[in-house]
Protein backbone atom coordinates (compact mmCIF):
# COMPACT_ATOMS: atom_id res chain seq x y z
CA MET A 1 9.57 75.33 172.59
CA ILE A 2 10.24 73.36 169.40
CA VAL A 3 13.55 74.00 167.62
CA ASN A 4 14.11 72.52 164.16
CA ALA A 5 15.53 73.43 160.74
CA ASP A 6 12.67 75.92 160.28
CA GLY A 7 13.71 77.86 163.38
CA GLU A 8 12.07 77.93 166.77
CA SER A 9 8.48 78.21 167.84
CA SER A 10 7.54 79.38 171.31
CA SER A 11 3.78 78.99 170.72
CA PRO A 12 2.24 75.69 171.84
CA GLN A 13 2.25 73.05 169.11
CA ASN A 14 1.59 69.36 168.71
CA ILE A 15 3.92 66.77 167.27
CA LEU A 16 2.44 63.69 165.61
CA ILE A 17 4.67 60.62 165.51
CA GLU A 18 3.64 57.72 163.30
CA LYS A 19 5.64 54.49 163.18
CA GLY A 20 8.51 56.16 165.04
CA VAL A 21 8.80 59.10 162.63
CA ILE A 22 7.62 62.69 163.10
CA SER A 23 4.92 63.10 160.47
CA LYS A 24 3.43 66.46 161.40
CA ILE A 25 4.04 69.51 163.59
CA GLY A 26 1.21 72.00 164.04
CA LYS A 27 -1.14 73.80 166.40
CA ALA A 28 -4.14 71.52 165.92
CA ILE A 29 -3.54 67.96 164.81
CA SER A 30 -6.46 65.57 164.93
CA ALA A 31 -5.40 61.96 165.29
CA ASP A 32 -6.16 58.99 167.49
CA ALA A 33 -3.18 58.87 169.82
CA LYS A 34 -2.24 55.80 171.81
CA LYS A 35 0.01 57.93 174.00
CA THR A 36 0.33 61.64 174.70
CA ILE A 37 3.18 63.48 176.40
CA ASP A 38 2.82 66.96 177.86
CA ALA A 39 6.13 68.65 177.02
CA GLY A 40 5.03 72.09 178.18
CA GLY A 41 8.00 74.05 179.50
CA LYS A 42 10.43 71.68 177.79
CA LEU A 43 12.82 72.28 174.91
CA ILE A 44 12.22 69.97 171.92
CA LEU A 45 15.33 69.64 169.73
CA PRO A 46 16.45 67.51 166.78
CA GLY A 47 18.85 64.66 167.56
CA PHE A 48 22.41 65.73 168.38
CA ILE A 49 25.49 64.65 166.41
CA ASP A 50 28.76 63.78 168.19
CA LEU A 51 31.60 64.34 165.73
CA HIS A 52 34.31 62.94 168.03
CA ALA A 53 33.35 59.81 169.96
CA HIS A 54 35.84 57.33 171.41
CA LEU A 55 34.29 53.91 171.77
CA ARG A 56 36.67 51.63 173.65
CA GLU A 57 36.36 48.60 171.39
CA PRO A 58 38.55 46.75 170.47
CA GLY A 59 40.87 46.35 173.40
CA HIS A 60 39.12 48.10 176.29
CA GLU A 61 35.75 46.35 176.41
CA ASP A 62 35.97 46.45 180.22
CA LYS A 63 35.32 50.21 179.96
CA GLU A 64 32.83 50.33 177.09
CA THR A 65 31.69 48.39 174.03
CA ILE A 66 30.27 49.71 170.79
CA GLU A 67 26.84 48.65 172.02
CA THR A 68 27.05 50.34 175.43
CA GLY A 69 28.60 53.48 173.92
CA CYS A 70 25.78 53.75 171.39
CA GLN A 71 23.18 53.19 174.10
CA ALA A 72 24.71 55.94 176.24
CA ALA A 73 24.77 58.33 173.27
CA ALA A 74 21.10 57.64 172.51
CA LYS A 75 20.12 58.25 176.15
CA GLY A 76 21.89 61.62 175.92
CA GLY A 77 19.95 62.68 172.82
CA PHE A 78 22.57 61.81 170.21
CA THR A 79 21.19 60.18 167.07
CA THR A 80 24.53 60.06 165.23
CA ILE A 81 28.08 59.47 166.44
CA PHE A 82 31.38 59.44 164.57
CA CYS A 83 33.74 56.94 166.15
CA MET A 84 37.44 57.74 166.09
């Protein structure tokens, strides 16, 4: 299922990504793909936003740095974080 600003779609659809950006979502997209991913049964969502992140830099770099905190957020599906 794809969920975006237009709502949700439970019918099978394709997502075309060009140069790292979603360029098209539709039922039948014809394009030469270098890689395909079967996301059947998965939930496709826009990137999450964390409005209250505590990165431990400066002063507690032994726990986390800005870099490692951002990497962890990205792995969890967050595309934007607001650092306190």
